[in-house]
Amino acid sequence: MLPKRKRKFSLMPLIALAGLSLAVSLPVLSSTAIHAAPVSHVSTIVVQPGDTLWALASRHTANGDDVQANIERIVAINKIDRAVGLQIGQKVRIPD
């Protein structure tokens, strides 16, 4: 009968996994600080009867700029639920 071989516990796979995790996560974590959102100025308006997102965005969009892109910025800045829409008297921040 052959003698039983003792298995040695090796830290090498654990060290390799830790190194791989660090190599993958470090660039991701460092890139978040580099790409900060640009500072934007906003105006605040009060929604009047008949105001729509399209009307607000087109009034505050420079000539040649995309009105739909401005609508998306307004929705994002104000966290507007498109299902609910705008409410009369609601304060809405409009990017300049």
N, C-alpha and C. Protein backbone atom coordinates (compact mmCIF):
# COMPACT_ATOMS: atom_id res chain seq x y z
N MET A 1 0.84 -1.17 0.00
CA MET A 1 0.00 0.00 0.00
C MET A 1 0.88 1.24 0.00
N LEU A 2 0.51 2.22 -0.84
CA LEU A 2 1.30 3.44 -0.95
C LEU A 2 0.98 4.38 0.21
N PRO A 3 1.97 5.09 0.68
CA PRO A 3 1.71 6.04 1.77
C PRO A 3 0.91 7.24 1.25
N LYS A 4 0.07 7.78 2.09
CA LYS A 4 -0.73 8.96 1.73
C LYS A 4 0.17 10.18 1.64
N ARG A 5 -0.05 10.95 0.59
CA ARG A 5 0.74 12.16 0.43
C ARG A 5 0.01 13.33 1.10
N LYS A 6 0.76 14.07 1.85
CA LYS A 6 0.17 15.24 2.47
C LYS A 6 0.07 16.35 1.42
N ARG A 7 -1.07 16.99 1.41
CA ARG A 7 -1.24 18.11 0.48
C ARG A 7 -0.75 19.37 1.16
N LYS A 8 0.02 20.13 0.43
CA LYS A 8 0.50 21.40 0.95
C LYS A 8 -0.48 22.48 0.54
N PHE A 9 -0.74 23.35 1.46
CA PHE A 9 -1.62 24.48 1.17
C PHE A 9 -0.76 25.57 0.55
N SER A 10 -1.18 26.06 -0.59
CA SER A 10 -0.41 27.08 -1.30
C SER A 10 -1.22 28.37 -1.38
N LEU A 11 -0.57 29.46 -1.11
CA LEU A 11 -1.20 30.76 -1.22
C LEU A 11 -1.10 31.33 -2.63
N MET A 12 -0.39 30.68 -3.50
CA MET A 12 -0.16 31.20 -4.84
C MET A 12 -1.45 31.47 -5.61
N PRO A 13 -2.44 30.58 -5.65
CA PRO A 13 -3.67 30.91 -6.38
C PRO A 13 -4.40 32.12 -5.79
N LEU A 14 -4.38 32.24 -4.48
CA LEU A 14 -5.04 33.37 -3.83
C LEU A 14 -4.32 34.68 -4.15
N ILE A 15 -3.01 34.67 -4.15
CA ILE A 15 -2.23 35.86 -4.49
C ILE A 15 -2.45 36.24 -5.95
N ALA A 16 -2.51 35.26 -6.83
CA ALA A 16 -2.74 35.52 -8.25
C ALA A 16 -4.12 36.14 -8.46
N LEU A 17 -5.12 35.62 -7.77
CA LEU A 17 -6.47 36.16 -7.88
C LEU A 17 -6.53 37.60 -7.37
N ALA A 18 -5.87 37.88 -6.26
CA ALA A 18 -5.85 39.24 -5.72
C ALA A 18 -5.16 40.19 -6.69
N GLY A 19 -4.07 39.75 -7.29
CA GLY A 19 -3.36 40.58 -8.27
C GLY A 19 -4.21 40.85 -9.49
N LEU A 20 -4.91 39.85 -9.97
CA LEU A 20 -5.78 40.02 -11.13
C LEU A 20 -6.92 40.98 -10.81
N SER A 21 -7.50 40.83 -9.63
CA SER A 21 -8.58 41.73 -9.22
C SER A 21 -8.10 43.17 -9.15
N LEU A 22 -6.92 43.38 -8.62
CA LEU A 22 -6.36 44.72 -8.52
C LEU A 22 -6.06 45.28 -9.91
N ALA A 23 -5.53 44.44 -10.78
CA ALA A 23 -5.21 44.90 -12.13
C ALA A 23 -6.45 45.31 -12.91
N VAL A 24 -7.58 44.66 -12.64
CA VAL A 24 -8.82 44.98 -13.34
C VAL A 24 -9.52 46.18 -12.71
N SER A 25 -9.57 46.24 -11.40
CA SER A 25 -10.36 47.28 -10.73
C SER A 25 -9.64 48.62 -10.61
N LEU A 26 -8.34 48.64 -10.54
CA LEU A 26 -7.61 49.89 -10.36
C LEU A 26 -7.83 50.87 -11.51
N PRO A 27 -7.72 50.46 -12.78
CA PRO A 27 -7.99 51.43 -13.86
C PRO A 27 -9.44 51.93 -13.85
N VAL A 28 -10.37 51.06 -13.50
CA VAL A 28 -11.77 51.47 -13.48
C VAL A 28 -12.00 52.51 -12.38
N LEU A 29 -11.45 52.27 -11.21
CA LEU A 29 -11.63 53.21 -10.10
C LEU A 29 -10.92 54.53 -10.36
N SER A 30 -9.76 54.49 -10.96
CA SER A 30 -9.03 55.74 -11.19
C SER A 30 -9.65 56.56 -12.30
N SER A 31 -10.33 55.93 -13.25
CA SER A 31 -10.90 56.68 -14.36
C SER A 31 -12.13 57.49 -13.96
N THR A 32 -12.79 57.12 -12.88
CA THR A 32 -13.99 57.84 -12.48
C THR A 32 -13.66 59.26 -12.02
N ALA A 33 -12.50 59.47 -11.44
CA ALA A 33 -12.12 60.80 -10.97
C ALA A 33 -11.68 61.69 -12.12
N ILE A 34 -11.19 61.10 -13.19
CA ILE A 34 -10.67 61.87 -14.31
C ILE A 34 -11.79 62.49 -15.14
N HIS A 35 -12.85 61.75 -15.33
CA HIS A 35 -13.93 62.19 -16.21
C HIS A 35 -15.09 62.78 -15.42
N ALA A 36 -14.86 63.91 -14.80
CA ALA A 36 -15.93 64.57 -14.05
C ALA A 36 -16.80 65.35 -15.03
N ALA A 37 -18.06 65.48 -14.68
CA ALA A 37 -19.00 66.21 -15.54
C ALA A 37 -18.64 67.70 -15.53
N PRO A 38 -18.76 68.33 -16.68
CA PRO A 38 -18.45 69.76 -16.72
C PRO A 38 -19.46 70.57 -15.91
N VAL A 39 -18.99 71.66 -15.34
CA VAL A 39 -19.88 72.52 -14.57
C VAL A 39 -20.82 73.22 -15.55
N SER A 40 -22.10 73.19 -15.23
CA SER A 40 -23.09 73.78 -16.11
C SER A 40 -23.91 74.80 -15.33
N HIS A 41 -24.23 75.89 -15.99
CA HIS A 41 -25.09 76.89 -15.37
C HIS A 41 -26.53 76.58 -15.75
N VAL A 42 -27.42 76.82 -14.81
CA VAL A 42 -28.83 76.55 -15.07
C VAL A 42 -29.68 77.77 -14.67
N SER A 43 -30.80 77.89 -15.35
CA SER A 43 -31.80 78.88 -14.99
C SER A 43 -33.00 78.11 -14.43
N THR A 44 -33.71 78.73 -13.52
CA THR A 44 -34.90 78.09 -12.97
C THR A 44 -36.13 78.83 -13.47
N ILE A 45 -37.09 78.07 -13.99
CA ILE A 45 -38.35 78.66 -14.46
C ILE A 45 -39.50 77.97 -13.74
N VAL A 46 -40.65 78.60 -13.73
CA VAL A 46 -41.85 78.02 -13.15
C VAL A 46 -42.77 77.62 -14.31
N VAL A 47 -43.23 76.38 -14.31
CA VAL A 47 -44.08 75.87 -15.38
C VAL A 47 -45.42 76.60 -15.38
N GLN A 48 -45.78 77.09 -16.56
CA GLN A 48 -47.05 77.81 -16.75
C GLN A 48 -48.03 76.90 -17.49
N PRO A 49 -49.33 77.21 -17.45
CA PRO A 49 -50.30 76.41 -18.19
C PRO A 49 -49.92 76.36 -19.68
N GLY A 50 -49.96 75.18 -20.25
CA GLY A 50 -49.63 74.98 -21.66
C GLY A 50 -48.16 74.68 -21.92
N ASP A 51 -47.31 74.82 -20.91
CA ASP A 51 -45.89 74.51 -21.10
C ASP A 51 -45.69 73.01 -21.29
N THR A 52 -44.84 72.67 -22.23
CA THR A 52 -44.45 71.27 -22.45
C THR A 52 -42.93 71.21 -22.43
N LEU A 53 -42.39 70.00 -22.32
CA LEU A 53 -40.94 69.85 -22.37
C LEU A 53 -40.39 70.40 -23.68
N TRP A 54 -41.08 70.10 -24.78
CA TRP A 54 -40.62 70.57 -26.08
C TRP A 54 -40.62 72.11 -26.13
N ALA A 55 -41.69 72.73 -25.62
CA ALA A 55 -41.77 74.20 -25.64
C ALA A 55 -40.66 74.82 -24.80
N LEU A 56 -40.43 74.29 -23.60
CA LEU A 56 -39.37 74.82 -22.74
C LEU A 56 -38.01 74.64 -23.39
N ALA A 57 -37.76 73.44 -23.91
CA ALA A 57 -36.46 73.15 -24.51
C ALA A 57 -36.21 74.00 -25.75
N SER A 58 -37.23 74.18 -26.58
CA SER A 58 -37.03 74.96 -27.81
C SER A 58 -36.83 76.44 -27.50
N ARG A 59 -37.47 76.95 -26.44
CA ARG A 59 -37.27 78.35 -26.04
C ARG A 59 -35.86 78.58 -25.51
N HIS A 60 -35.26 77.53 -24.93
CA HIS A 60 -33.95 77.68 -24.30
C HIS A 60 -32.85 76.94 -25.06
N THR A 61 -33.06 76.67 -26.32
CA THR A 61 -32.05 76.02 -27.15
C THR A 61 -31.52 77.04 -28.15
N ALA A 62 -30.20 77.14 -28.22
CA ALA A 62 -29.58 78.08 -29.16
C ALA A 62 -29.84 77.62 -30.59
N ASN A 63 -29.79 78.56 -31.51
CA ASN A 63 -30.00 78.23 -32.93
C ASN A 63 -29.00 77.17 -33.38
N GLY A 64 -29.51 76.16 -34.05
CA GLY A 64 -28.65 75.10 -34.56
C GLY A 64 -28.44 73.95 -33.59
N ASP A 65 -28.76 74.13 -32.31
CA ASP A 65 -28.62 73.04 -31.34
C ASP A 65 -29.81 72.11 -31.43
N ASP A 66 -29.64 70.92 -30.90
CA ASP A 66 -30.67 69.88 -30.97
C ASP A 66 -31.66 70.04 -29.81
N VAL A 67 -32.92 70.30 -30.14
CA VAL A 67 -33.96 70.49 -29.13
C VAL A 67 -34.16 69.20 -28.33
N GLN A 68 -34.16 68.05 -29.02
CA GLN A 68 -34.37 66.77 -28.33
C GLN A 68 -33.26 66.51 -27.31
N ALA A 69 -32.02 66.86 -27.64
CA ALA A 69 -30.90 66.69 -26.70
C ALA A 69 -31.11 67.60 -25.49
N ASN A 70 -31.64 68.81 -25.71
CA ASN A 70 -31.90 69.71 -24.60
C ASN A 70 -33.02 69.17 -23.72
N ILE A 71 -34.03 68.55 -24.33
CA ILE A 71 -35.10 67.91 -23.54
C ILE A 71 -34.51 66.84 -22.64
N GLU A 72 -33.61 66.03 -23.19
CA GLU A 72 -32.99 64.96 -22.39
C GLU A 72 -32.20 65.54 -21.22
N ARG A 73 -31.50 66.65 -21.44
CA ARG A 73 -30.77 67.29 -20.34
C ARG A 73 -31.73 67.81 -19.27
N ILE A 74 -32.83 68.43 -19.70
CA ILE A 74 -33.81 68.95 -18.74
C ILE A 74 -34.42 67.81 -17.92
N VAL A 75 -34.78 66.72 -18.58
CA VAL A 75 -35.35 65.56 -17.88
C VAL A 75 -34.35 65.00 -16.88
N ALA A 76 -33.07 64.90 -17.29
CA ALA A 76 -32.04 64.33 -16.41
C ALA A 76 -31.76 65.23 -15.22
N ILE A 77 -31.63 66.53 -15.45
CA ILE A 77 -31.31 67.47 -14.37
C ILE A 77 -32.42 67.50 -13.32
N ASN A 78 -33.66 67.46 -13.79
CA ASN A 78 -34.81 67.59 -12.89
C ASN A 78 -35.42 66.27 -12.46
N LYS A 79 -34.89 65.16 -12.98
CA LYS A 79 -35.43 63.83 -12.68
C LYS A 79 -36.94 63.78 -12.94
N ILE A 80 -37.31 64.25 -14.12
CA ILE A 80 -38.72 64.31 -14.50
C ILE A 80 -39.18 62.93 -14.95
N ASP A 81 -40.30 62.49 -14.40
CA ASP A 81 -40.93 61.23 -14.82
C ASP A 81 -41.76 61.54 -16.05
N ARG A 82 -41.38 60.97 -17.18
CA ARG A 82 -42.08 61.29 -18.43
C ARG A 82 -43.55 60.85 -18.40
N ALA A 83 -43.86 59.86 -17.58
CA ALA A 83 -45.25 59.41 -17.49
C ALA A 83 -46.11 60.49 -16.81
N VAL A 84 -45.52 61.24 -15.90
CA VAL A 84 -46.24 62.29 -15.17
C VAL A 84 -46.15 63.61 -15.93
N GLY A 85 -44.98 63.91 -16.47
CA GLY A 85 -44.79 65.15 -17.22
C GLY A 85 -44.61 66.34 -16.30
N LEU A 86 -44.86 67.51 -16.85
CA LEU A 86 -44.71 68.75 -16.09
C LEU A 86 -46.01 69.10 -15.37
N GLN A 87 -45.88 69.74 -14.22
CA GLN A 87 -47.03 70.17 -13.45
C GLN A 87 -47.01 71.69 -13.35
N ILE A 88 -48.15 72.34 -13.48
CA ILE A 88 -48.25 73.79 -13.38
C ILE A 88 -47.69 74.22 -12.01
N GLY A 89 -46.82 75.22 -12.01
CA GLY A 89 -46.21 75.71 -10.78
C GLY A 89 -44.91 75.00 -10.42
N GLN A 90 -44.58 73.93 -11.13
CA GLN A 90 -43.36 73.18 -10.87
C GLN A 90 -42.14 74.03 -11.25
N LYS A 91 -41.11 74.01 -10.42
CA LYS A 91 -39.87 74.72 -10.74
C LYS A 91 -38.98 73.75 -11.53
N VAL A 92 -38.52 74.21 -12.67
CA VAL A 92 -37.71 73.37 -13.56
C VAL A 92 -36.40 74.10 -13.84
N ARG A 93 -35.29 73.39 -13.67
CA ARG A 93 -33.99 73.94 -13.97
C ARG A 93 -33.68 73.67 -15.45
N ILE A 94 -33.28 74.71 -16.15
CA ILE A 94 -32.99 74.63 -17.59
C ILE A 94 -31.50 74.92 -17.77
N PRO A 95 -30.75 74.01 -18.43
CA PRO A 95 -29.32 74.28 -18.65
C PRO A 95 -29.13 75.44 -19.64
N ASP A 96 -28.16 76.30 -19.34
CA ASP A 96 -27.86 77.44 -20.23
C ASP A 96 -26.99 76.97 -21.37
